[in-house]
Structures are given as C-alpha cells and as structure tokens.
Amino acid sequence: MGLLRIAVFLLAAAPGSAGAGAGSHVRDAETGFAKAFADRDQARFFSYVAEDATFLSPKKTMNGKAQVVEGRRSSGVRTRRFAGSPSGS
C-alpha cells in the first residue's frame, strides 16, 4: 500500500502529467478575475463568481451568486483600480 501511495504521488508531481496544467489554469482564472475588477467590467467580474459563493462585508454576508451580484450592485460601491497590473508585475 505504501508503494502505491508513492507511485501516485510521483505520477501526480511529474512534469507533463495531467495535474501539471492545473497551476496555469488557476493562475489564468485569477488573472482574469483581477483584470475584470481592475477594468471595472461587472459582467466579466461576476462571471467568475461561483453559484455557491459567499462574500463577506462589514455590514452583511451574501450567500450565493444572485445575492453577491445584487449586493455589490445595490451597495453603490465602485470598484477601485489596482495599483499594479493584475498579473502582479
């Protein structure tokens, strides 16, 4: 059983394995989300919000995408621009 765990770990960590692209996928999603925020593109920003999302604010907790979208739009809060690029450079 121990050898099986080691083999699975080595296969998952190997360059070019199926799991290797996951990091770039997550990075691309994070960059897209940040860029939508920086560009103040609400439609694109909300496209990244999951159906079961939970956003916390000082005044309330919003559960689910519909509440998050409505809460952010009705709050009158304008999104601020990032000080740097969405990629962090």
N, C-alpha and C. Protein backbone atom coordinates (compact mmCIF):
# COMPACT_ATOMS: atom_id res chain seq x y z
N MET A 1 0.83 -1.19 0.00
CA MET A 1 0.00 0.00 0.00
C MET A 1 0.87 1.25 0.00
N GLY A 2 1.97 1.25 0.73
CA GLY A 2 2.86 2.39 0.79
C GLY A 2 3.48 2.70 -0.55
N LEU A 3 3.85 1.66 -1.31
CA LEU A 3 4.44 1.87 -2.64
C LEU A 3 3.42 2.47 -3.60
N LEU A 4 2.18 2.08 -3.45
CA LEU A 4 1.13 2.63 -4.30
C LEU A 4 0.98 4.13 -4.06
N ARG A 5 1.02 4.55 -2.81
CA ARG A 5 0.92 5.98 -2.49
C ARG A 5 2.09 6.75 -3.07
N ILE A 6 3.28 6.19 -2.97
CA ILE A 6 4.46 6.85 -3.53
C ILE A 6 4.35 6.95 -5.04
N ALA A 7 3.90 5.90 -5.69
CA ALA A 7 3.76 5.90 -7.15
C ALA A 7 2.74 6.95 -7.59
N VAL A 8 1.62 7.04 -6.89
CA VAL A 8 0.60 8.03 -7.22
C VAL A 8 1.16 9.43 -7.03
N PHE A 9 1.87 9.67 -5.95
CA PHE A 9 2.47 10.97 -5.69
C PHE A 9 3.46 11.34 -6.79
N LEU A 10 4.32 10.42 -7.17
CA LEU A 10 5.31 10.70 -8.19
C LEU A 10 4.67 10.98 -9.55
N LEU A 11 3.62 10.24 -9.88
CA LEU A 11 2.93 10.48 -11.14
C LEU A 11 2.24 11.84 -11.15
N ALA A 12 1.64 12.21 -10.04
CA ALA A 12 0.95 13.50 -9.95
C ALA A 12 1.92 14.66 -10.01
N ALA A 13 3.12 14.48 -9.48
CA ALA A 13 4.10 15.56 -9.43
C ALA A 13 4.98 15.62 -10.66
N ALA A 14 4.92 14.62 -11.51
CA ALA A 14 5.80 14.56 -12.67
C ALA A 14 5.48 15.66 -13.68
N PRO A 15 6.52 16.30 -14.22
CA PRO A 15 6.28 17.31 -15.25
C PRO A 15 5.56 16.68 -16.44
N GLY A 16 4.59 17.42 -16.98
CA GLY A 16 3.84 16.91 -18.12
C GLY A 16 2.69 16.01 -17.73
N SER A 17 2.49 15.80 -16.44
CA SER A 17 1.37 14.96 -16.01
C SER A 17 0.08 15.75 -16.12
N ALA A 18 -1.04 15.07 -15.96
CA ALA A 18 -2.35 15.71 -16.09
C ALA A 18 -2.51 16.84 -15.09
N GLY A 19 -1.90 16.73 -13.91
CA GLY A 19 -2.02 17.76 -12.89
C GLY A 19 -1.15 18.97 -13.14
N ALA A 20 -0.21 18.89 -14.05
CA ALA A 20 0.74 19.98 -14.27
C ALA A 20 0.07 21.23 -14.81
N GLY A 21 -0.99 21.10 -15.60
CA GLY A 21 -1.66 22.25 -16.17
C GLY A 21 -2.60 22.95 -15.21
N ALA A 22 -2.87 22.34 -14.08
CA ALA A 22 -3.81 22.93 -13.13
C ALA A 22 -3.31 24.26 -12.60
N GLY A 23 -2.03 24.38 -12.37
CA GLY A 23 -1.47 25.63 -11.85
C GLY A 23 -1.67 26.78 -12.81
N SER A 24 -1.44 26.55 -14.09
CA SER A 24 -1.63 27.63 -15.06
C SER A 24 -3.11 27.95 -15.23
N HIS A 25 -3.97 26.95 -15.11
CA HIS A 25 -5.41 27.19 -15.21
C HIS A 25 -5.87 28.10 -14.06
N VAL A 26 -5.42 27.82 -12.87
CA VAL A 26 -5.78 28.63 -11.70
C VAL A 26 -5.20 30.04 -11.84
N ARG A 27 -3.95 30.12 -12.27
CA ARG A 27 -3.30 31.43 -12.45
C ARG A 27 -4.05 32.25 -13.50
N ASP A 28 -4.45 31.63 -14.61
CA ASP A 28 -5.19 32.33 -15.66
C ASP A 28 -6.54 32.84 -15.14
N ALA A 29 -7.21 32.01 -14.35
CA ALA A 29 -8.50 32.43 -13.79
C ALA A 29 -8.31 33.59 -12.82
N GLU A 30 -7.31 33.51 -11.99
CA GLU A 30 -7.04 34.58 -11.02
C GLU A 30 -6.70 35.89 -11.73
N THR A 31 -5.89 35.81 -12.77
CA THR A 31 -5.52 36.99 -13.54
C THR A 31 -6.73 37.59 -14.24
N GLY A 32 -7.58 36.74 -14.82
CA GLY A 32 -8.79 37.21 -15.48
C GLY A 32 -9.74 37.90 -14.51
N PHE A 33 -9.89 37.32 -13.32
CA PHE A 33 -10.74 37.89 -12.27
C PHE A 33 -10.21 39.27 -11.86
N ALA A 34 -8.90 39.35 -11.62
CA ALA A 34 -8.28 40.61 -11.21
C ALA A 34 -8.39 41.67 -12.32
N LYS A 35 -8.22 41.25 -13.56
CA LYS A 35 -8.31 42.19 -14.68
C LYS A 35 -9.74 42.71 -14.82
N ALA A 36 -10.72 41.84 -14.67
CA ALA A 36 -12.12 42.27 -14.75
C ALA A 36 -12.41 43.30 -13.66
N PHE A 37 -11.87 43.08 -12.46
CA PHE A 37 -12.04 44.02 -11.35
C PHE A 37 -11.36 45.34 -11.68
N ALA A 38 -10.13 45.28 -12.16
CA ALA A 38 -9.36 46.49 -12.47
C ALA A 38 -10.01 47.28 -13.61
N ASP A 39 -10.59 46.57 -14.58
CA ASP A 39 -11.24 47.22 -15.72
C ASP A 39 -12.66 47.69 -15.39
N ARG A 40 -13.12 47.36 -14.19
CA ARG A 40 -14.49 47.69 -13.75
C ARG A 40 -15.54 47.08 -14.68
N ASP A 41 -15.24 45.89 -15.16
CA ASP A 41 -16.14 45.16 -16.06
C ASP A 41 -17.00 44.23 -15.21
N GLN A 42 -18.18 44.72 -14.81
CA GLN A 42 -19.02 43.95 -13.89
C GLN A 42 -19.46 42.62 -14.47
N ALA A 43 -19.84 42.59 -15.74
CA ALA A 43 -20.30 41.33 -16.33
C ALA A 43 -19.20 40.28 -16.29
N ARG A 44 -17.99 40.67 -16.65
CA ARG A 44 -16.87 39.72 -16.63
C ARG A 44 -16.50 39.36 -15.20
N PHE A 45 -16.50 40.35 -14.29
CA PHE A 45 -16.19 40.10 -12.89
C PHE A 45 -17.16 39.06 -12.31
N PHE A 46 -18.45 39.26 -12.52
CA PHE A 46 -19.44 38.35 -11.95
C PHE A 46 -19.44 36.99 -12.64
N SER A 47 -18.88 36.90 -13.84
CA SER A 47 -18.78 35.59 -14.49
C SER A 47 -17.83 34.66 -13.74
N TYR A 48 -16.95 35.23 -12.94
CA TYR A 48 -16.01 34.42 -12.15
C TYR A 48 -16.57 34.02 -10.79
N VAL A 49 -17.71 34.57 -10.41
CA VAL A 49 -18.30 34.27 -9.10
C VAL A 49 -19.07 32.95 -9.20
N ALA A 50 -18.77 32.02 -8.33
CA ALA A 50 -19.42 30.71 -8.33
C ALA A 50 -20.85 30.81 -7.82
N GLU A 51 -21.69 29.87 -8.24
CA GLU A 51 -23.09 29.85 -7.81
C GLU A 51 -23.22 29.75 -6.29
N ASP A 52 -22.26 29.09 -5.64
CA ASP A 52 -22.34 28.91 -4.18
C ASP A 52 -21.38 29.85 -3.44
N ALA A 53 -21.04 30.97 -4.06
CA ALA A 53 -20.09 31.92 -3.48
C ALA A 53 -20.64 32.55 -2.20
N THR A 54 -19.73 32.94 -1.33
CA THR A 54 -20.06 33.69 -0.13
C THR A 54 -19.12 34.88 -0.06
N PHE A 55 -19.68 36.08 -0.04
CA PHE A 55 -18.89 37.30 0.11
C PHE A 55 -19.21 37.89 1.47
N LEU A 56 -18.19 38.33 2.17
CA LEU A 56 -18.36 38.94 3.48
C LEU A 56 -18.08 40.43 3.36
N SER A 57 -18.91 41.23 4.00
CA SER A 57 -18.67 42.66 4.06
C SER A 57 -18.89 43.08 5.51
N PRO A 58 -18.48 44.29 5.86
CA PRO A 58 -18.68 44.73 7.25
C PRO A 58 -20.15 44.76 7.67
N LYS A 59 -21.06 44.93 6.71
CA LYS A 59 -22.48 45.06 7.04
C LYS A 59 -23.29 43.78 6.90
N LYS A 60 -22.86 42.88 5.99
CA LYS A 60 -23.67 41.67 5.77
C LYS A 60 -22.85 40.59 5.09
N THR A 61 -23.42 39.40 5.11
CA THR A 61 -22.85 38.26 4.40
C THR A 61 -23.79 37.93 3.24
N MET A 62 -23.22 37.79 2.06
CA MET A 62 -24.01 37.46 0.88
C MET A 62 -23.72 36.02 0.48
N ASN A 63 -24.76 35.21 0.41
CA ASN A 63 -24.64 33.80 0.07
C ASN A 63 -25.26 33.52 -1.28
N GLY A 64 -24.49 32.91 -2.17
CA GLY A 64 -24.97 32.58 -3.50
C GLY A 64 -24.70 33.71 -4.48
N LYS A 65 -24.51 33.33 -5.72
CA LYS A 65 -24.15 34.30 -6.75
C LYS A 65 -25.19 35.42 -6.88
N ALA A 66 -26.46 35.08 -6.85
CA ALA A 66 -27.52 36.08 -7.03
C ALA A 66 -27.42 37.16 -5.94
N GLN A 67 -27.22 36.76 -4.69
CA GLN A 67 -27.09 37.73 -3.61
C GLN A 67 -25.82 38.56 -3.75
N VAL A 68 -24.74 37.93 -4.17
CA VAL A 68 -23.48 38.64 -4.36
C VAL A 68 -23.63 39.70 -5.44
N VAL A 69 -24.21 39.31 -6.57
CA VAL A 69 -24.40 40.26 -7.68
C VAL A 69 -25.29 41.41 -7.23
N GLU A 70 -26.43 41.10 -6.65
CA GLU A 70 -27.37 42.14 -6.20
C GLU A 70 -26.75 43.00 -5.11
N GLY A 71 -26.08 42.38 -4.17
CA GLY A 71 -25.46 43.12 -3.07
C GLY A 71 -24.39 44.08 -3.53
N ARG A 72 -23.56 43.65 -4.46
CA ARG A 72 -22.49 44.52 -4.97
C ARG A 72 -23.07 45.64 -5.83
N ARG A 73 -24.09 45.34 -6.62
CA ARG A 73 -24.67 46.38 -7.49
C ARG A 73 -25.48 47.40 -6.70
N SER A 74 -26.23 46.94 -5.70
CA SER A 74 -27.09 47.85 -4.96
C SER A 74 -26.35 48.63 -3.88
N SER A 75 -25.13 48.21 -3.55
CA SER A 75 -24.39 48.89 -2.49
C SER A 75 -23.85 50.25 -2.92
N GLY A 76 -23.78 50.46 -4.23
CA GLY A 76 -23.24 51.71 -4.72
C GLY A 76 -21.73 51.79 -4.61
N VAL A 77 -21.12 50.70 -4.21
CA VAL A 77 -19.66 50.66 -4.07
C VAL A 77 -19.04 50.58 -5.45
N ARG A 78 -18.16 51.49 -5.74
CA ARG A 78 -17.44 51.46 -7.01
C ARG A 78 -16.16 50.67 -6.79
N THR A 79 -15.84 49.84 -7.73
CA THR A 79 -14.60 49.09 -7.61
C THR A 79 -13.42 50.02 -7.80
N ARG A 80 -12.39 49.83 -7.00
CA ARG A 80 -11.18 50.64 -7.12
C ARG A 80 -10.22 49.99 -8.08
N ARG A 81 -9.41 50.77 -8.69
CA ARG A 81 -8.40 50.24 -9.59
C ARG A 81 -7.25 49.70 -8.76
N PHE A 82 -6.63 48.63 -9.27
CA PHE A 82 -5.44 48.08 -8.62
C PHE A 82 -4.27 49.02 -8.83
N ALA A 83 -3.32 49.00 -7.91
CA ALA A 83 -2.13 49.83 -8.02
C ALA A 83 -1.15 49.26 -9.05
N GLY A 84 -1.22 47.99 -9.31
CA GLY A 84 -0.33 47.34 -10.28
C GLY A 84 -1.13 46.59 -11.31
N SER A 85 -0.45 45.80 -12.11
CA SER A 85 -1.17 45.01 -13.09
C SER A 85 -1.79 43.81 -12.42
N PRO A 86 -2.85 43.24 -13.00
CA PRO A 86 -3.47 42.06 -12.41
C PRO A 86 -2.53 40.88 -12.28
N SER A 87 -1.48 40.85 -13.09
CA SER A 87 -0.55 39.72 -13.02
C SER A 87 0.43 39.88 -11.89
N GLY A 88 0.39 41.01 -11.19
CA GLY A 88 1.29 41.21 -10.05
C GLY A 88 2.61 41.82 -10.42
N SER A 89 2.80 42.16 -11.69
CA SER A 89 4.08 42.77 -12.08
C SER A 89 3.98 44.27 -12.16
